[in-house]
Amino acid sequence: MLSLQGPLSREILNALLETGTLPEPKRNELSNVTIVGTEVLLSRSGYTGEPLCFELFLASEGAPALWDLSR
């Protein structure tokens, strides 16, 4: 799992999506997306319930490519 938080998180994720859409800004909403060819379960299940937080659940082998996007 990777987390992305902050005021630009929605904009950043929207720019990275190859397929799918962001989950609604409601607690515990989910969507299936593709980022850098990797299937990602995109969640709004953070314990804070903030509208600026996303959790990305993906297979471990896809994590390095996703992480490298932050460079």
PDB file of N, CA and C in Angstrom:
ATOM      1  N   MET A   1       0.826  -1.171   0.000  1.00  0.00           N
ATOM      2  CA  MET A   1       0.000   0.000   0.000  1.00  0.00           C
ATOM      3  C   MET A   1       0.877   1.244   0.000  1.00  0.00           C
ATOM      4  N   LEU A   2       0.487   2.192  -0.812  1.00  0.00           N
ATOM      5  CA  LEU A   2       1.104   3.512  -0.830  1.00  0.00           C
ATOM      6  C   LEU A   2       0.011   4.529  -0.551  1.00  0.00           C
ATOM      7  N   SER A   3       0.346   5.595   0.118  1.00  0.00           N
ATOM      8  CA  SER A   3      -0.608   6.666   0.375  1.00  0.00           C
ATOM      9  C   SER A   3      -0.174   7.921  -0.349  1.00  0.00           C
ATOM     10  N   LEU A   4      -1.148   8.662  -0.817  1.00  0.00           N
ATOM     11  CA  LEU A   4      -0.892   9.967  -1.415  1.00  0.00           C
ATOM     12  C   LEU A   4      -1.850  10.943  -0.752  1.00  0.00           C
ATOM     13  N   GLN A   5      -1.290  11.976  -0.153  1.00  0.00           N
ATOM     14  CA  GLN A   5      -2.097  12.930   0.592  1.00  0.00           C
ATOM     15  C   GLN A   5      -1.694  14.344   0.240  1.00  0.00           C
ATOM     16  N   GLY A   6      -2.598  15.259   0.452  1.00  0.00           N
ATOM     17  CA  GLY A   6      -2.288  16.666   0.271  1.00  0.00           C
ATOM     18  C   GLY A   6      -3.197  17.337  -0.737  1.00  0.00           C
ATOM     19  N   PRO A   7      -3.105  18.652  -0.825  1.00  0.00           N
ATOM     20  CA  PRO A   7      -4.029  19.415  -1.664  1.00  0.00           C
ATOM     21  C   PRO A   7      -3.908  19.138  -3.162  1.00  0.00           C
ATOM     22  N   LEU A   8      -2.786  18.590  -3.618  1.00  0.00           N
ATOM     23  CA  LEU A   8      -2.627  18.280  -5.048  1.00  0.00           C
ATOM     24  C   LEU A   8      -2.822  16.800  -5.359  1.00  0.00           C
ATOM     25  N   SER A   9      -3.187  16.005  -4.365  1.00  0.00           N
ATOM     26  CA  SER A   9      -3.281  14.557  -4.569  1.00  0.00           C
ATOM     27  C   SER A   9      -4.274  14.178  -5.664  1.00  0.00           C
ATOM     28  N   ARG A  10      -5.423  14.817  -5.698  1.00  0.00           N
ATOM     29  CA  ARG A  10      -6.430  14.513  -6.726  1.00  0.00           C
ATOM     30  C   ARG A  10      -5.888  14.833  -8.125  1.00  0.00           C
ATOM     31  N   GLU A  11      -5.277  15.993  -8.267  1.00  0.00           N
ATOM     32  CA  GLU A  11      -4.723  16.415  -9.548  1.00  0.00           C
ATOM     33  C   GLU A  11      -3.601  15.470  -9.998  1.00  0.00           C
ATOM     34  N   ILE A  12      -2.739  15.098  -9.082  1.00  0.00           N
ATOM     35  CA  ILE A  12      -1.626  14.196  -9.396  1.00  0.00           C
ATOM     36  C   ILE A  12      -2.146  12.849  -9.874  1.00  0.00           C
ATOM     37  N   LEU A  13      -3.079  12.270  -9.128  1.00  0.00           N
ATOM     38  CA  LEU A  13      -3.606  10.954  -9.516  1.00  0.00           C
ATOM     39  C   LEU A  13      -4.361  11.011 -10.832  1.00  0.00           C
ATOM     40  N   ASN A  14      -5.153  12.036 -11.042  1.00  0.00           N
ATOM     41  CA  ASN A  14      -5.881  12.162 -12.310  1.00  0.00           C
ATOM     42  C   ASN A  14      -4.926  12.157 -13.493  1.00  0.00           C
ATOM     43  N   ALA A  15      -3.790  12.801 -13.352  1.00  0.00           N
ATOM     44  CA  ALA A  15      -2.810  12.858 -14.441  1.00  0.00           C
ATOM     45  C   ALA A  15      -2.146  11.509 -14.697  1.00  0.00           C
ATOM     46  N   LEU A  16      -2.121  10.630 -13.703  1.00  0.00           N
ATOM     47  CA  LEU A  16      -1.450   9.334 -13.836  1.00  0.00           C
ATOM     48  C   LEU A  16      -2.361   8.208 -14.315  1.00  0.00           C
ATOM     49  N   LEU A  17      -3.666   8.382 -14.209  1.00  0.00           N
ATOM     50  CA  LEU A  17      -4.595   7.305 -14.548  1.00  0.00           C
ATOM     51  C   LEU A  17      -4.544   6.954 -16.028  1.00  0.00           C
ATOM     52  N   GLU A  18      -4.373   5.676 -16.311  1.00  0.00           N
ATOM     53  CA  GLU A  18      -4.457   5.167 -17.678  1.00  0.00           C
ATOM     54  C   GLU A  18      -5.858   4.667 -17.951  1.00  0.00           C
ATOM     55  N   THR A  19      -6.462   4.010 -16.962  1.00  0.00           N
ATOM     56  CA  THR A  19      -7.856   3.582 -17.037  1.00  0.00           C
ATOM     57  C   THR A  19      -8.490   3.803 -15.674  1.00  0.00           C
ATOM     58  N   GLY A  20      -9.807   3.922 -15.673  1.00  0.00           N
ATOM     59  CA  GLY A  20     -10.544   4.079 -14.430  1.00  0.00           C
ATOM     60  C   GLY A  20     -10.682   5.537 -14.030  1.00  0.00           C
ATOM     61  N   THR A  21     -11.370   5.735 -12.918  1.00  0.00           N
ATOM     62  CA  THR A  21     -11.609   7.075 -12.397  1.00  0.00           C
ATOM     63  C   THR A  21     -11.343   7.093 -10.898  1.00  0.00           C
ATOM     64  N   LEU A  22     -11.147   8.264 -10.369  1.00  0.00           N
ATOM     65  CA  LEU A  22     -10.934   8.407  -8.938  1.00  0.00           C
ATOM     66  C   LEU A  22     -12.221   8.074  -8.187  1.00  0.00           C
ATOM     67  N   PRO A  23     -12.087   7.488  -7.008  1.00  0.00           N
ATOM     68  CA  PRO A  23     -13.279   7.230  -6.211  1.00  0.00           C
ATOM     69  C   PRO A  23     -13.894   8.545  -5.722  1.00  0.00           C
ATOM     70  N   GLU A  24     -15.184   8.496  -5.460  1.00  0.00           N
ATOM     71  CA  GLU A  24     -15.878   9.673  -4.940  1.00  0.00           C
ATOM     72  C   GLU A  24     -15.229  10.130  -3.637  1.00  0.00           C
ATOM     73  N   PRO A  25     -15.284  11.421  -3.353  1.00  0.00           N
ATOM     74  CA  PRO A  25     -14.677  11.913  -2.110  1.00  0.00           C
ATOM     75  C   PRO A  25     -15.544  11.623  -0.879  1.00  0.00           C
ATOM     76  N   LYS A  26     -15.794  10.352  -0.671  1.00  0.00           N
ATOM     77  CA  LYS A  26     -16.536   9.892   0.495  1.00  0.00           C
ATOM     78  C   LYS A  26     -15.719   8.799   1.154  1.00  0.00           C
ATOM     79  N   ARG A  27     -15.806   8.701   2.450  1.00  0.00           N
ATOM     80  CA  ARG A  27     -15.050   7.694   3.191  1.00  0.00           C
ATOM     81  C   ARG A  27     -15.380   6.290   2.693  1.00  0.00           C
ATOM     82  N   ASN A  28     -14.328   5.484   2.521  1.00  0.00           N
ATOM     83  CA  ASN A  28     -14.400   4.079   2.122  1.00  0.00           C
ATOM     84  C   ASN A  28     -14.862   3.856   0.684  1.00  0.00           C
ATOM     85  N   GLU A  29     -14.788   4.846  -0.157  1.00  0.00           N
ATOM     86  CA  GLU A  29     -15.081   4.650  -1.575  1.00  0.00           C
ATOM     87  C   GLU A  29     -13.870   4.015  -2.249  1.00  0.00           C
ATOM     88  N   LEU A  30     -14.120   3.186  -3.264  1.00  0.00           N
ATOM     89  CA  LEU A  30     -13.068   2.452  -3.966  1.00  0.00           C
ATOM     90  C   LEU A  30     -13.242   2.585  -5.467  1.00  0.00           C
ATOM     91  N   SER A  31     -12.154   2.429  -6.206  1.00  0.00           N
ATOM     92  CA  SER A  31     -12.227   2.285  -7.656  1.00  0.00           C
ATOM     93  C   SER A  31     -11.025   1.472  -8.122  1.00  0.00           C
ATOM     94  N   ASN A  32     -11.216   0.790  -9.242  1.00  0.00           N
ATOM     95  CA  ASN A  32     -10.138   0.028  -9.874  1.00  0.00           C
ATOM     96  C   ASN A  32      -9.584   0.872 -11.001  1.00  0.00           C
ATOM     97  N   VAL A  33      -8.272   1.082 -10.979  1.00  0.00           N
ATOM     98  CA  VAL A  33      -7.612   1.912 -11.980  1.00  0.00           C
ATOM     99  C   VAL A  33      -6.347   1.222 -12.465  1.00  0.00           C
ATOM    100  N   THR A  34      -5.783   1.774 -13.515  1.00  0.00           N
ATOM    101  CA  THR A  34      -4.480   1.327 -14.003  1.00  0.00           C
ATOM    102  C   THR A  34      -3.548   2.522 -14.036  1.00  0.00           C
ATOM    103  N   ILE A  35      -2.377   2.339 -13.444  1.00  0.00           N
ATOM    104  CA  ILE A  35      -1.332   3.361 -13.433  1.00  0.00           C
ATOM    105  C   ILE A  35      -0.028   2.664 -13.806  1.00  0.00           C
ATOM    106  N   VAL A  36       0.712   3.201 -14.747  1.00  0.00           N
ATOM    107  CA  VAL A  36       1.932   2.602 -15.308  1.00  0.00           C
ATOM    108  C   VAL A  36       1.764   1.105 -15.567  1.00  0.00           C
ATOM    109  N   GLY A  37       0.656   0.754 -16.186  1.00  0.00           N
ATOM    110  CA  GLY A  37       0.401  -0.635 -16.553  1.00  0.00           C
ATOM    111  C   GLY A  37       0.092  -1.563 -15.403  1.00  0.00           C
ATOM    112  N   THR A  38      -0.111  -1.030 -14.218  1.00  0.00           N
ATOM    113  CA  THR A  38      -0.355  -1.843 -13.026  1.00  0.00           C
ATOM    114  C   THR A  38      -1.779  -1.624 -12.530  1.00  0.00           C
ATOM    115  N   GLU A  39      -2.459  -2.721 -12.217  1.00  0.00           N
ATOM    116  CA  GLU A  39      -3.797  -2.621 -11.639  1.00  0.00           C
ATOM    117  C   GLU A  39      -3.680  -2.149 -10.197  1.00  0.00           C
ATOM    118  N   VAL A  40      -4.468  -1.140  -9.871  1.00  0.00           N
ATOM    119  CA  VAL A  40      -4.421  -0.526  -8.540  1.00  0.00           C
ATOM    120  C   VAL A  40      -5.842  -0.416  -8.002  1.00  0.00           C
ATOM    121  N   LEU A  41      -6.025  -0.818  -6.757  1.00  0.00           N
ATOM    122  CA  LEU A  41      -7.270  -0.543  -6.057  1.00  0.00           C
ATOM    123  C   LEU A  41      -7.053   0.780  -5.346  1.00  0.00           C
ATOM    124  N   LEU A  42      -7.772   1.778  -5.783  1.00  0.00           N
ATOM    125  CA  LEU A  42      -7.628   3.123  -5.257  1.00  0.00           C
ATOM    126  C   LEU A  42      -8.719   3.347  -4.224  1.00  0.00           C
ATOM    127  N   SER A  43      -8.310   3.756  -3.036  1.00  0.00           N
ATOM    128  CA  SER A  43      -9.218   3.807  -1.906  1.00  0.00           C
ATOM    129  C   SER A  43      -9.217   5.170  -1.235  1.00  0.00           C
ATOM    130  N   ARG A  44     -10.320   5.435  -0.588  1.00  0.00           N
ATOM    131  CA  ARG A  44     -10.435   6.593   0.301  1.00  0.00           C
ATOM    132  C   ARG A  44     -10.780   6.073   1.686  1.00  0.00           C
ATOM    133  N   SER A  45      -9.954   5.162   2.155  1.00  0.00           N
ATOM    134  CA  SER A  45     -10.240   4.485   3.421  1.00  0.00           C
ATOM    135  C   SER A  45      -9.311   4.919   4.549  1.00  0.00           C
ATOM    136  N   GLY A  46      -8.611   6.012   4.369  1.00  0.00           N
ATOM    137  CA  GLY A  46      -7.699   6.477   5.409  1.00  0.00           C
ATOM    138  C   GLY A  46      -8.424   6.744   6.715  1.00  0.00           C
ATOM    139  N   TYR A  47      -7.740   6.523   7.785  1.00  0.00           N
ATOM    140  CA  TYR A  47      -8.379   6.662   9.091  1.00  0.00           C
ATOM    141  C   TYR A  47      -8.815   8.092   9.391  1.00  0.00           C
ATOM    142  N   THR A  48      -8.209   9.068   8.720  1.00  0.00           N
ATOM    143  CA  THR A  48      -8.609  10.449   8.971  1.00  0.00           C
ATOM    144  C   THR A  48      -9.878  10.822   8.216  1.00  0.00           C
ATOM    145  N   GLY A  49     -10.171  10.097   7.131  1.00  0.00           N
ATOM    146  CA  GLY A  49     -11.351  10.396   6.332  1.00  0.00           C
ATOM    147  C   GLY A  49     -11.258  11.714   5.578  1.00  0.00           C
ATOM    148  N   GLU A  50     -10.049  12.243   5.460  1.00  0.00           N
ATOM    149  CA  GLU A  50      -9.859  13.507   4.775  1.00  0.00           C
ATOM    150  C   GLU A  50     -10.156  13.365   3.283  1.00  0.00           C
ATOM    151  N   PRO A  51     -10.728  14.395   2.663  1.00  0.00           N
ATOM    152  CA  PRO A  51     -11.018  14.325   1.225  1.00  0.00           C
ATOM    153  C   PRO A  51      -9.776  14.445   0.357  1.00  0.00           C
ATOM    154  N   LEU A  52      -8.611  14.695   0.959  1.00  0.00           N
ATOM    155  CA  LEU A  52      -7.373  14.875   0.204  1.00  0.00           C
ATOM    156  C   LEU A  52      -6.458  13.666   0.292  1.00  0.00           C
ATOM    157  N   CYS A  53      -6.976  12.540   0.726  1.00  0.00           N
ATOM    158  CA  CYS A  53      -6.150  11.355   0.954  1.00  0.00           C
ATOM    159  C   CYS A  53      -6.574  10.195   0.060  1.00  0.00           C
ATOM    160  N   PHE A  54      -5.589   9.495  -0.461  1.00  0.00           N
ATOM    161  CA  PHE A  54      -5.832   8.297  -1.255  1.00  0.00           C
ATOM    162  C   PHE A  54      -4.884   7.204  -0.789  1.00  0.00           C
ATOM    163  N   GLU A  55      -5.356   5.976  -0.823  1.00  0.00           N
ATOM    164  CA  GLU A  55      -4.515   4.816  -0.568  1.00  0.00           C
ATOM    165  C   GLU A  55      -4.515   3.982  -1.844  1.00  0.00           C
ATOM    166  N   LEU A  56      -3.341   3.524  -2.232  1.00  0.00           N
ATOM    167  CA  LEU A  56      -3.188   2.741  -3.451  1.00  0.00           C
ATOM    168  C   LEU A  56      -2.732   1.339  -3.062  1.00  0.00           C
ATOM    169  N   PHE A  57      -3.563   0.356  -3.361  1.00  0.00           N
ATOM    170  CA  PHE A  57      -3.250  -1.040  -3.074  1.00  0.00           C
ATOM    171  C   PHE A  57      -2.896  -1.719  -4.390  1.00  0.00           C
ATOM    172  N   LEU A  58      -1.713  -2.335  -4.433  1.00  0.00           N
ATOM    173  CA  LEU A  58      -1.245  -2.961  -5.664  1.00  0.00           C
ATOM    174  C   LEU A  58      -0.287  -4.092  -5.338  1.00  0.00           C
ATOM    175  N   ALA A  59      -0.065  -4.939  -6.325  1.00  0.00           N
ATOM    176  CA  ALA A  59       0.890  -6.036  -6.167  1.00  0.00           C
ATOM    177  C   ALA A  59       2.291  -5.461  -5.972  1.00  0.00           C
ATOM    178  N   SER A  60       3.071  -6.117  -5.137  1.00  0.00           N
ATOM    179  CA  SER A  60       4.400  -5.601  -4.792  1.00  0.00           C
ATOM    180  C   SER A  60       5.298  -5.402  -6.015  1.00  0.00           C
ATOM    181  N   GLU A  61       5.160  -6.230  -7.024  1.00  0.00           N
ATOM    182  CA  GLU A  61       6.038  -6.078  -8.194  1.00  0.00           C
ATOM    183  C   GLU A  61       5.733  -4.804  -8.987  1.00  0.00           C
ATOM    184  N   GLY A  62       4.558  -4.227  -8.828  1.00  0.00           N
ATOM    185  CA  GLY A  62       4.232  -2.984  -9.517  1.00  0.00           C
ATOM    186  C   GLY A  62       4.612  -1.738  -8.742  1.00  0.00           C
ATOM    187  N   ALA A  63       4.941  -1.898  -7.477  1.00  0.00           N
ATOM    188  CA  ALA A  63       5.224  -0.742  -6.610  1.00  0.00           C
ATOM    189  C   ALA A  63       6.438   0.082  -7.046  1.00  0.00           C
ATOM    190  N   PRO A  64       7.560  -0.525  -7.454  1.00  0.00           N
ATOM    191  CA  PRO A  64       8.715   0.309  -7.835  1.00  0.00           C
ATOM    192  C   PRO A  64       8.415   1.274  -8.987  1.00  0.00           C
ATOM    193  N   ALA A  65       7.708   0.831  -9.995  1.00  0.00           N
ATOM    194  CA  ALA A  65       7.388   1.725 -11.136  1.00  0.00           C
ATOM    195  C   ALA A  65       6.490   2.855 -10.692  1.00  0.00           C
ATOM    196  N   LEU A  66       5.554   2.551  -9.823  1.00  0.00           N
ATOM    197  CA  LEU A  66       4.663   3.591  -9.311  1.00  0.00           C
ATOM    198  C   LEU A  66       5.424   4.570  -8.432  1.00  0.00           C
ATOM    199  N   TRP A  67       6.277   4.034  -7.568  1.00  0.00           N
ATOM    200  CA  TRP A  67       7.079   4.876  -6.684  1.00  0.00           C
ATOM    201  C   TRP A  67       7.999   5.792  -7.485  1.00  0.00           C
ATOM    202  N   ASP A  68       8.570   5.279  -8.565  1.00  0.00           N
ATOM    203  CA  ASP A  68       9.492   6.061  -9.385  1.00  0.00           C
ATOM    204  C   ASP A  68       8.822   7.258 -10.064  1.00  0.00           C
ATOM    205  N   LEU A  69       7.505   7.260 -10.160  1.00  0.00           N
ATOM    206  CA  LEU A  69       6.810   8.401 -10.743  1.00  0.00           C
ATOM    207  C   LEU A  69       6.975   9.657  -9.898  1.00  0.00           C
ATOM    208  N   SER A  70       7.325   9.479  -8.640  1.00  0.00           N
ATOM    209  CA  SER A  70       7.464  10.632  -7.744  1.00  0.00           C
ATOM    210  C   SER A  70       8.780  11.376  -7.938  1.00  0.00           C
ATOM    211  N   ARG A  71       9.652  10.869  -8.752  1.00  0.00           N
ATOM    212  CA  ARG A  71      10.952  11.519  -8.969  1.00  0.00           C
ATOM    213  C   ARG A  71      10.864  12.636  -9.955  1.00  0.00           C
TER     214      ARG A  71
END
